[in-house]
């Protein structure tokens, strides 16, 4: 018996020795493989950090003293994540600043009326929902749930607030002033489109403005068509836009119409499920309207007719002169429509070589007298009498003649050359009085 036990013990020891020897050999092989990986630079799998994820679809930088948010890649949700992660803290500040500065607005009104109104009345397409989902996810990844708490709101910022900030202009309309000129009216014969956006949102929110550079997006499915590249002047967390130009030179800017057909707009949009946010309509025009196949107002009109909006609208469009010449039209027009009349009326220039727009309806209802509009027209008349072509200096003076104490930004678009000059208001100096800075699409879309 002892002999068998001894033999079993010896056998067990040998098996253990062999197992250890094999294990040691295997460990040596692993270590050798890791050394090879390190030597040749092969990747070792590990979890991707939020900042690495954000950098795959977005980057925040500074150019000529202005902040530039660049969004890229073929996944809309990931672009949203990048923006949410990179701009999380500012987005909450921007919302708080707007609530504290908008006339007659209270936190109770925002929480109890505006947010339910925005959630009940607006319909977003697949891309818009995916982008807002990603945006909110990026904010959570950056700040954590407790970091999303707003002292002004008295609660944590939610996904519903992302919808809210993107529908805010449909509830509290901005006031804007603009003109476009071309041909013999300009110094070089090219199109120039000057525009000031006025909105009483407070100094902090005005300072938070950024240049948003959105690269082109390929078609990804029936509900996710291809999107053109564009540049917009906007705010963190905004997937809707109010001022922009695309890579084909199409400029689209939003202006308010204070009246809707048969009814006065008393400071906020109407109710009715399925509204398209005006800022999203403007963005989709930048992304989808083709300027090379004829008059772009025809394509814009189809987008307008596709989904109702909550209130009156005036969209000012301009595009390169050469494209307009081929189509046999002037290179600027106003798309006028409201919530009850879905077929847009196109207002063409009333005077050769120029068009002026502020915030009054000119077709759907009798035009109201507008001091800003009168001042710009008077300036254009003086320049014409002096036979002086409009350059940047003249364009600035025209916008300055319509300056309001709530200006957020002024932009001077040059569609023919894919350039623009931009100025943000600085403290008590309104944007028409601030020297603008020039940007080109070539530098903004330079190879990463």
Protein backbone atom coordinates (compact mmCIF):
# COMPACT_ATOMS: atom_id res chain seq x y z
CA UNK A 1 0.00 0.00 0.00
CA UNK A 2 2.81 2.38 0.96
CA UNK A 3 4.54 1.55 -2.34
CA UNK A 4 1.39 2.43 -4.32
CA UNK A 5 0.99 5.66 -2.37
CA UNK A 6 4.63 6.53 -2.97
CA UNK A 7 4.32 5.76 -6.69
CA UNK A 8 1.10 7.87 -6.88
CA UNK A 9 2.86 10.70 -5.11
CA UNK A 10 5.79 10.56 -7.51
CA UNK A 11 3.38 10.48 -10.48
CA UNK A 12 1.46 13.46 -9.10
CA UNK A 13 4.66 15.41 -8.54
CA UNK A 14 5.72 14.76 -12.14
CA UNK A 15 2.34 15.92 -13.49
CA UNK A 16 2.52 19.06 -11.37
CA UNK A 17 6.05 19.69 -12.53
CA UNK A 18 5.06 19.23 -16.15
CA UNK A 19 2.04 21.56 -15.67
CA UNK A 20 4.23 24.21 -14.07
CA UNK A 21 6.83 23.80 -16.76
CA UNK A 22 4.18 24.13 -19.46
CA UNK A 23 2.64 27.11 -17.67
CA UNK A 24 6.02 28.75 -17.34
CA UNK A 25 6.68 28.18 -21.03
CA UNK A 26 3.27 29.66 -21.91
CA UNK A 27 3.93 32.69 -19.71
CA UNK A 28 7.25 33.19 -21.43
CA UNK A 29 5.51 33.05 -24.80
CA UNK A 30 2.99 35.69 -23.69
CA UNK A 31 5.72 37.99 -22.45
CA UNK A 32 7.62 37.53 -25.70
CA UNK A 33 4.50 38.35 -27.72
CA UNK A 34 3.87 41.50 -25.68
CA UNK A 35 7.47 42.59 -26.26
CA UNK A 36 6.98 42.07 -30.00
CA UNK A 37 3.75 44.08 -29.92
CA UNK A 38 5.50 46.90 -28.11
CA UNK A 39 8.42 46.77 -30.51
CA UNK A 40 6.39 46.98 -33.73
CA UNK A 41 3.72 49.31 -32.33
CA UNK A 42 0.71 47.00 -32.73
CA UNK A 43 -2.38 48.23 -30.79
CA UNK A 44 -3.39 46.63 -27.51
CA UNK A 45 -7.17 46.55 -27.06
CA UNK A 46 -8.51 48.80 -24.31
CA UNK A 47 -11.60 50.86 -23.59
CA UNK A 48 -11.92 54.13 -25.52
CA UNK A 49 -12.06 57.21 -23.33
CA UNK A 50 -14.82 59.83 -23.84
CA UNK A 51 -12.32 62.41 -25.01
CA UNK A 52 -10.94 59.97 -27.57
CA UNK A 53 -14.46 59.22 -28.77
CA UNK A 54 -15.23 62.92 -29.07
CA UNK A 55 -12.04 63.61 -31.02
CA UNK A 56 -13.04 61.08 -33.68
CA UNK A 57 -15.93 63.33 -34.75
CA UNK A 58 -15.17 66.85 -33.55
CA UNK A 59 -12.53 69.37 -32.59
CA UNK A 60 -12.64 72.76 -30.88
CA UNK A 61 -9.96 75.26 -31.85
CA UNK A 62 -9.31 78.98 -32.19
CA UNK A 63 -8.76 80.78 -35.48
CA UNK A 64 -8.23 84.54 -35.89
CA UNK A 65 -9.45 85.05 -32.32
CA UNK A 66 -12.73 83.14 -32.84
CA UNK A 67 -13.60 79.71 -31.56
CA UNK A 68 -14.31 77.13 -34.23
CA UNK A 69 -16.18 73.86 -33.63
CA UNK A 70 -15.48 71.43 -36.45
CA UNK A 71 -17.69 68.35 -36.84
CA UNK A 72 -16.82 65.45 -39.13
CA UNK A 73 -17.22 61.73 -39.74
CA UNK A 74 -20.17 59.76 -41.14
CA UNK A 75 -22.14 59.18 -37.93
CA UNK A 76 -24.56 61.94 -36.93
CA UNK A 77 -24.87 60.69 -33.35
CA UNK A 78 -21.09 60.76 -32.94
CA UNK A 79 -20.96 64.33 -34.21
CA UNK A 80 -23.56 65.16 -31.58
CA UNK A 81 -21.51 63.38 -28.91
CA UNK A 82 -18.43 65.39 -29.88
CA UNK A 83 -20.28 68.69 -29.59
CA UNK A 84 -21.93 67.71 -26.30
CA UNK A 85 -18.64 66.60 -24.77
CA UNK A 86 -16.60 69.58 -25.98
CA UNK A 87 -19.22 72.24 -25.14
CA UNK A 88 -21.09 70.72 -22.16
CA UNK A 89 -20.53 73.38 -19.51
CA UNK A 90 -21.13 76.27 -21.90
CA UNK A 91 -24.39 74.78 -23.10
CA UNK A 92 -25.84 74.90 -19.59
CA UNK A 93 -24.50 78.43 -19.04
CA UNK A 94 -25.97 79.55 -22.37
CA UNK A 95 -29.42 78.25 -21.42
CA UNK A 96 -29.25 79.89 -17.99
CA UNK A 97 -28.14 83.21 -19.51
CA UNK A 98 -31.02 83.16 -21.98
CA UNK A 99 -33.56 82.47 -19.23
CA UNK A 100 -32.23 85.32 -17.11
CA UNK A 101 -32.18 87.85 -19.97
CA UNK A 102 -35.15 87.13 -22.26
CA UNK A 103 -37.81 89.78 -21.57
CA UNK A 104 -40.76 88.54 -19.54
CA UNK A 105 -39.41 85.00 -19.23
CA UNK A 106 -39.40 83.16 -15.91
CA UNK A 107 -38.06 79.77 -14.91
CA UNK A 108 -41.59 78.68 -14.09
CA UNK A 109 -42.76 79.67 -17.58
CA UNK A 110 -39.87 77.79 -19.15
CA UNK A 111 -40.41 74.61 -17.09
CA UNK A 112 -44.21 74.58 -16.95
CA UNK A 113 -45.17 75.93 -20.37
CA UNK A 114 -42.34 76.20 -22.87
CA UNK A 115 -40.80 72.73 -22.43
CA UNK A 116 -44.18 70.92 -22.60
CA UNK A 117 -45.06 73.07 -25.65
CA UNK A 118 -41.77 72.24 -27.37
CA UNK A 119 -42.05 68.51 -26.64
CA UNK A 120 -45.68 68.31 -27.81
CA UNK A 121 -45.52 70.37 -30.99
CA UNK A 122 -42.27 69.58 -32.80
CA UNK A 123 -41.29 66.65 -34.97
CA UNK A 124 -37.62 65.91 -35.64
CA UNK A 125 -36.22 63.73 -38.41
CA UNK A 126 -33.99 60.71 -37.74
CA UNK A 127 -30.74 62.64 -38.12
CA UNK A 128 -31.87 65.43 -35.80
CA UNK A 129 -32.96 62.98 -33.08
CA UNK A 130 -29.72 61.02 -33.36
CA UNK A 131 -27.67 64.22 -33.11
CA UNK A 132 -29.55 65.41 -30.02
CA UNK A 133 -29.23 61.94 -28.43
CA UNK A 134 -25.48 62.03 -29.00
CA UNK A 135 -25.22 65.60 -27.76
CA UNK A 136 -26.89 64.79 -24.46
CA UNK A 137 -24.81 61.62 -24.08
CA UNK A 138 -21.66 63.68 -24.61
CA UNK A 139 -22.69 66.15 -21.92
CA UNK A 140 -23.28 63.33 -19.42
CA UNK A 141 -19.90 61.81 -20.31
CA UNK A 142 -18.19 65.14 -19.64
CA UNK A 143 -20.05 66.40 -16.57
CA UNK A 144 -21.74 63.39 -14.98
CA UNK A 145 -25.36 63.54 -13.88
CA UNK A 146 -24.72 65.88 -10.93
CA UNK A 147 -22.64 68.14 -13.14
CA UNK A 148 -25.73 68.63 -15.28
CA UNK A 149 -27.55 70.35 -12.45
CA UNK A 150 -28.58 73.94 -13.21
CA UNK A 151 -28.90 76.41 -10.34
CA UNK A 152 -31.22 78.59 -12.42
CA UNK A 153 -33.53 75.72 -13.39
CA UNK A 154 -33.31 74.20 -9.93
CA UNK A 155 -32.89 70.73 -11.44
CA UNK A 156 -30.72 68.55 -13.63
CA UNK A 157 -30.60 69.51 -17.31
CA UNK A 158 -32.41 66.85 -19.34
CA UNK A 159 -32.69 65.66 -22.94
CA UNK A 160 -35.88 67.74 -23.14
CA UNK A 161 -33.82 70.89 -22.57
CA UNK A 162 -31.80 70.02 -25.69
CA UNK A 163 -35.06 70.09 -27.63
CA UNK A 164 -35.95 73.33 -25.86
CA UNK A 165 -32.88 75.33 -26.83
CA UNK A 166 -33.31 74.20 -30.44
CA UNK A 167 -36.93 75.39 -30.53
CA UNK A 168 -36.44 78.59 -28.53
CA UNK A 169 -36.51 80.88 -31.58
CA UNK A 170 -39.95 79.52 -32.46
CA UNK A 171 -41.25 80.79 -29.12
CA UNK A 172 -39.32 84.04 -28.68
CA UNK A 173 -38.66 85.49 -32.11
CA UNK A 174 -35.44 87.37 -32.90
CA UNK A 175 -35.25 90.66 -34.77
CA UNK A 176 -32.83 90.88 -37.69
CA UNK A 177 -31.72 93.27 -40.43
CA UNK A 178 -30.14 92.48 -43.78
CA UNK A 179 -29.45 93.47 -47.36
CA UNK A 180 -27.91 91.83 -50.40
CA UNK A 181 -26.32 93.57 -53.39
CA UNK A 182 -24.58 92.45 -56.61
CA UNK A 183 -23.56 93.46 -60.11
CA UNK A 184 -23.22 97.20 -60.65
CA UNK A 185 -24.20 97.87 -57.04
CA UNK A 186 -21.03 96.27 -55.59
CA UNK A 187 -17.41 97.30 -55.85
CA UNK A 188 -16.29 94.10 -57.59
CA UNK A 189 -19.55 92.97 -59.19
CA UNK A 190 -19.80 90.01 -56.81
CA UNK A 191 -22.66 89.23 -54.44
CA UNK A 192 -22.45 90.53 -50.87
CA UNK A 193 -25.02 89.56 -48.24
CA UNK A 194 -24.88 91.53 -44.98
CA UNK A 195 -26.85 90.34 -41.99
CA UNK A 196 -27.23 91.21 -38.28
CA UNK A 197 -28.96 88.84 -35.88
CA UNK A 198 -30.63 90.58 -32.93
CA UNK A 199 -31.76 88.55 -29.93
CA UNK A 200 -31.89 89.67 -26.25
CA UNK A 201 -30.07 86.71 -24.72
CA UNK A 202 -27.53 88.35 -22.41
CA UNK A 203 -23.82 89.12 -22.53
CA UNK A 204 -22.67 85.64 -21.45
CA UNK A 205 -24.62 83.90 -24.19
CA UNK A 206 -23.48 86.42 -26.81
CA UNK A 207 -19.86 85.76 -25.81
CA UNK A 208 -20.45 82.01 -26.10
CA UNK A 209 -21.05 82.18 -29.87
CA UNK A 210 -18.92 79.98 -32.09
CA UNK A 211 -18.28 79.21 -35.74
CA UNK A 212 -19.72 75.77 -36.51
CA UNK A 213 -18.02 73.97 -39.40
CA UNK A 214 -20.04 70.93 -40.48
CA UNK A 215 -18.38 68.68 -43.04
CA UNK A 216 -20.40 66.94 -45.75
CA UNK A 217 -22.28 63.76 -44.85
CA UNK A 218 -22.88 60.88 -47.32
CA UNK A 219 -26.24 59.22 -47.78
CA UNK A 220 -26.77 56.54 -45.14
CA UNK A 221 -30.33 55.38 -45.83
CA UNK A 222 -33.76 56.43 -47.08
CA UNK A 223 -34.37 58.66 -44.05
CA UNK A 224 -30.77 59.83 -43.88
CA UNK A 225 -29.91 61.59 -47.17
CA UNK A 226 -26.60 63.16 -48.09
CA UNK A 227 -25.90 66.54 -46.48
CA UNK A 228 -23.79 69.36 -47.91
CA UNK A 229 -20.98 70.94 -45.92
CA UNK A 230 -21.77 74.30 -44.35
CA UNK A 231 -20.53 76.95 -41.91
CA UNK A 232 -22.91 78.57 -39.42
CA UNK A 233 -22.58 81.21 -36.74
CA UNK A 234 -24.33 79.79 -33.71
CA UNK A 235 -24.21 78.56 -30.15
CA UNK A 236 -23.05 75.44 -28.28
CA UNK A 237 -25.68 72.70 -28.29
CA UNK A 238 -27.51 74.17 -31.24
CA UNK A 239 -28.17 71.73 -34.06
CA UNK A 240 -30.60 74.31 -35.47
CA UNK A 241 -29.04 77.32 -37.18
CA UNK A 242 -30.07 80.90 -38.01
CA UNK A 243 -27.15 82.24 -40.07
CA UNK A 244 -25.07 80.19 -42.50
CA UNK A 245 -23.54 79.50 -45.91
CA UNK A 246 -22.91 76.12 -47.53
CA UNK A 247 -19.99 74.89 -49.64
CA UNK A 248 -21.85 75.80 -52.86
CA UNK A 249 -22.14 79.42 -51.75
CA UNK A 250 -25.82 79.33 -50.73
CA UNK A 251 -26.52 81.77 -47.89
CA UNK A 252 -29.63 81.28 -45.74
CA UNK A 253 -30.58 83.58 -42.85
CA UNK A 254 -33.72 83.69 -40.70
CA UNK A 255 -35.83 86.78 -40.08
CA UNK A 256 -39.08 86.94 -38.18
CA UNK A 257 -42.46 87.81 -39.55
CA UNK A 258 -44.45 89.49 -36.79
CA UNK A 259 -47.79 88.52 -38.33
CA UNK A 260 -49.30 85.29 -39.54
CA UNK A 261 -52.23 85.22 -41.92
CA UNK A 262 -55.41 86.35 -40.19
CA UNK A 263 -53.81 86.43 -36.76
CA UNK A 264 -51.23 88.44 -34.86
CA UNK A 265 -48.32 86.51 -33.42
CA UNK A 266 -48.32 87.48 -29.73
CA UNK A 267 -44.78 86.48 -28.88
CA UNK A 268 -44.86 82.72 -29.34
CA UNK A 269 -45.70 80.14 -31.93
CA UNK A 270 -48.96 78.33 -32.40
CA UNK A 271 -49.80 74.84 -31.14
CA UNK A 272 -50.22 71.82 -33.37
CA UNK A 273 -48.27 68.58 -33.48
CA UNK A 274 -45.67 68.03 -36.18
CA UNK A 275 -43.99 71.43 -36.45
CA UNK A 276 -40.55 71.72 -37.99
CA UNK A 277 -38.28 74.02 -35.99
CA UNK A 278 -37.41 77.01 -38.15
CA UNK A 279 -33.73 76.68 -37.36
CA UNK A 280 -33.81 73.06 -38.52
CA UNK A 281 -35.56 74.06 -41.74
CA UNK A 282 -32.84 76.64 -42.35
CA UNK A 283 -30.12 74.06 -41.69
CA UNK A 284 -31.73 71.52 -44.03
CA UNK A 285 -31.78 74.20 -46.75
CA UNK A 286 -28.04 74.67 -46.29
CA UNK A 287 -27.51 70.92 -46.43
CA UNK A 288 -29.88 69.98 -49.25
CA UNK A 289 -30.76 72.86 -51.60
CA UNK A 290 -28.88 72.60 -54.91
CA UNK A 291 -27.65 75.87 -56.43
CA UNK A 292 -26.19 74.29 -59.58
CA UNK A 293 -29.42 73.03 -61.18
CA UNK A 294 -31.36 76.30 -61.47
CA UNK A 295 -33.14 78.70 -59.15
CA UNK A 296 -32.48 77.46 -55.56
CA UNK A 297 -35.75 78.96 -54.33
CA UNK A 298 -37.58 76.10 -56.08
CA UNK A 299 -35.77 73.48 -53.99
CA UNK A 300 -36.18 75.61 -50.87
CA UNK A 301 -39.94 75.88 -51.49
CA UNK A 302 -40.25 72.07 -51.54
CA UNK A 303 -38.61 71.85 -48.12
CA UNK A 304 -40.91 74.57 -46.79
CA UNK A 305 -43.99 72.72 -48.04
CA UNK A 306 -42.90 69.40 -46.52
CA UNK A 307 -43.66 70.23 -42.88
CA UNK A 308 -45.51 73.06 -41.08
CA UNK A 309 -43.81 75.64 -38.88
CA UNK A 310 -45.30 77.27 -35.80
CA UNK A 311 -45.12 80.93 -36.82
CA UNK A 312 -44.42 83.43 -39.56
CA UNK A 313 -41.14 83.24 -41.43
CA UNK A 314 -38.92 85.27 -43.71
CA UNK A 315 -35.87 83.38 -45.00
CA UNK A 316 -33.31 85.45 -46.91
CA UNK A 317 -31.34 83.49 -49.51
CA UNK A 318 -28.37 84.55 -51.65
CA UNK A 319 -26.10 82.52 -53.94
CA UNK A 320 -23.17 83.05 -56.36
CA UNK A 321 -23.76 85.46 -59.23
CA UNK A 322 -22.53 83.09 -61.92
CA UNK A 323 -25.00 80.40 -60.85
CA UNK A 324 -27.82 82.95 -60.80
CA UNK A 325 -26.87 84.17 -64.29
CA UNK A 326 -27.08 80.63 -65.67
CA UNK A 327 -30.54 80.19 -64.12
CA UNK A 328 -31.72 83.56 -65.43
CA UNK A 329 -32.56 84.98 -61.98
CA UNK A 330 -31.15 87.57 -59.58
CA UNK A 331 -28.84 86.04 -56.92
CA UNK A 332 -30.96 86.87 -53.87
CA UNK A 333 -34.59 86.42 -52.79
CA UNK A 334 -36.83 86.20 -49.74
CA UNK A 335 -38.92 83.09 -48.98
CA UNK A 336 -42.05 84.21 -47.16
CA UNK A 337 -44.48 81.79 -45.52
CA UNK A 338 -46.42 81.13 -42.33
CA UNK A 339 -47.96 78.28 -40.38
CA UNK A 340 -51.25 78.39 -42.27
CA UNK A 341 -49.92 79.03 -45.79
CA UNK A 342 -47.45 76.30 -46.72
CA UNK A 343 -46.78 77.47 -50.26
CA UNK A 344 -43.93 79.94 -49.95
CA UNK A 345 -44.10 83.25 -51.75
CA UNK A 346 -40.80 84.26 -53.30
CA UNK A 347 -40.09 87.98 -53.07
CA UNK A 348 -37.65 89.09 -55.76
CA UNK A 349 -35.64 92.34 -55.69
CA UNK A 350 -37.76 95.45 -56.09
CA UNK A 351 -34.76 97.51 -57.19
CA UNK A 352 -32.04 96.43 -59.65
CA UNK A 353 -29.04 94.93 -57.90
CA UNK A 354 -30.23 94.94 -54.29
CA UNK A 355 -32.79 93.68 -51.79
CA UNK A 356 -33.45 94.68 -48.16
CA UNK A 357 -35.10 92.67 -45.42
CA UNK A 358 -35.86 93.29 -41.77
CA UNK A 359 -38.82 91.66 -39.99
CA UNK A 360 -42.04 92.73 -41.65
CA UNK A 361 -44.24 90.78 -44.03
CA UNK A 362 -44.35 92.31 -47.48
CA UNK A 363 -46.70 89.95 -49.34
CA UNK A 364 -48.84 87.80 -47.03
CA UNK A 365 -49.90 90.87 -45.12
CA UNK A 366 -49.53 94.57 -45.66
CA UNK A 367 -46.00 95.62 -44.85
CA UNK A 368 -45.56 97.46 -41.59
CA UNK A 369 -43.41 100.56 -41.63
CA UNK A 370 -39.93 99.61 -40.38
CA UNK A 371 -37.35 102.21 -39.41
CA UNK A 372 -34.45 99.76 -39.86
CA UNK A 373 -35.60 98.85 -43.37
CA UNK A 374 -35.99 102.54 -44.26
CA UNK A 375 -32.48 103.37 -43.04
CA UNK A 376 -30.84 100.64 -45.14
CA UNK A 377 -32.83 101.66 -48.23
CA UNK A 378 -31.86 105.30 -47.71
CA UNK A 379 -28.20 104.28 -47.50
CA UNK A 380 -28.47 102.26 -50.71
CA UNK A 381 -30.08 105.25 -52.46
CA UNK A 382 -27.26 107.57 -51.38
CA UNK A 383 -24.61 105.13 -52.60
CA UNK A 384 -26.40 104.77 -55.94
CA UNK A 385 -26.59 108.55 -56.42
CA UNK A 386 -22.90 108.83 -55.58
CA UNK A 387 -22.18 105.97 -58.04
CA UNK A 388 -20.27 104.26 -55.29
CA UNK A 389 -20.01 100.48 -55.33
CA UNK A 390 -20.63 98.55 -52.11
CA UNK A 391 -17.53 97.04 -50.52
CA UNK A 392 -16.94 95.96 -46.96
CA UNK A 393 -16.81 99.50 -45.61
CA UNK A 394 -20.12 100.43 -47.23
CA UNK A 395 -21.71 97.14 -46.13
CA UNK A 396 -20.77 97.83 -42.53
CA UNK A 397 -22.29 101.30 -42.66
CA UNK A 398 -25.55 99.90 -44.07
CA UNK A 399 -25.88 97.42 -41.20
CA UNK A 400 -24.83 100.04 -38.68
CA UNK A 401 -27.71 102.24 -39.86
CA UNK A 402 -30.08 99.51 -38.61
CA UNK A 403 -28.16 98.72 -35.40
CA UNK A 404 -30.17 97.55 -32.39
CA UNK A 405 -29.01 97.36 -28.73
CA UNK A 406 -29.53 93.56 -28.73
CA UNK A 407 -27.27 92.56 -31.64
CA UNK A 408 -25.55 89.19 -31.34
CA UNK A 409 -23.56 88.96 -34.57
CA UNK A 410 -23.09 90.62 -37.94
CA UNK A 411 -21.90 88.66 -40.97
CA UNK A 412 -20.92 89.77 -44.47
CA UNK A 413 -21.13 86.77 -46.80
CA UNK A 414 -19.29 86.63 -50.15
CA UNK A 415 -20.88 83.62 -51.92
CA UNK A 416 -18.83 83.95 -55.12
CA UNK A 417 -15.53 83.42 -53.30
CA UNK A 418 -16.77 81.29 -50.36
CA UNK A 419 -15.58 83.85 -47.84
CA UNK A 420 -17.25 85.84 -45.08
CA UNK A 421 -16.42 88.51 -42.52
CA UNK A 422 -17.92 88.13 -39.05
CA UNK A 423 -18.20 90.27 -35.92
CA UNK A 424 -19.66 89.40 -32.51
CA UNK A 425 -20.98 92.03 -30.14
CA UNK A 426 -18.51 92.83 -27.35
CA UNK A 427 -19.96 94.05 -24.08
CA UNK A 428 -21.81 97.24 -24.99
CA UNK A 429 -20.38 97.53 -28.51
CA UNK A 430 -22.89 96.02 -30.92
CA UNK A 431 -21.67 93.81 -33.76
CA UNK A 432 -22.32 96.30 -36.63
CA UNK A 433 -19.84 98.63 -34.88
CA UNK A 434 -17.22 95.89 -34.34
CA UNK A 435 -14.51 95.47 -36.98
CA UNK A 436 -15.19 92.09 -38.65
CA UNK A 437 -12.71 89.27 -39.22
CA UNK A 438 -12.39 87.47 -42.56
CA UNK A 439 -12.66 83.70 -42.94
CA UNK A 440 -12.53 81.43 -45.98
CA UNK A 441 -13.99 77.99 -46.49
CA UNK A 442 -10.56 76.88 -47.69
CA UNK A 443 -9.00 77.46 -44.25
CA UNK A 444 -12.02 76.28 -42.25
CA UNK A 445 -12.21 72.99 -44.17
CA UNK A 446 -8.46 72.53 -44.50
CA UNK A 447 -7.22 68.94 -44.31
CA UNK A 448 -7.24 67.66 -40.76
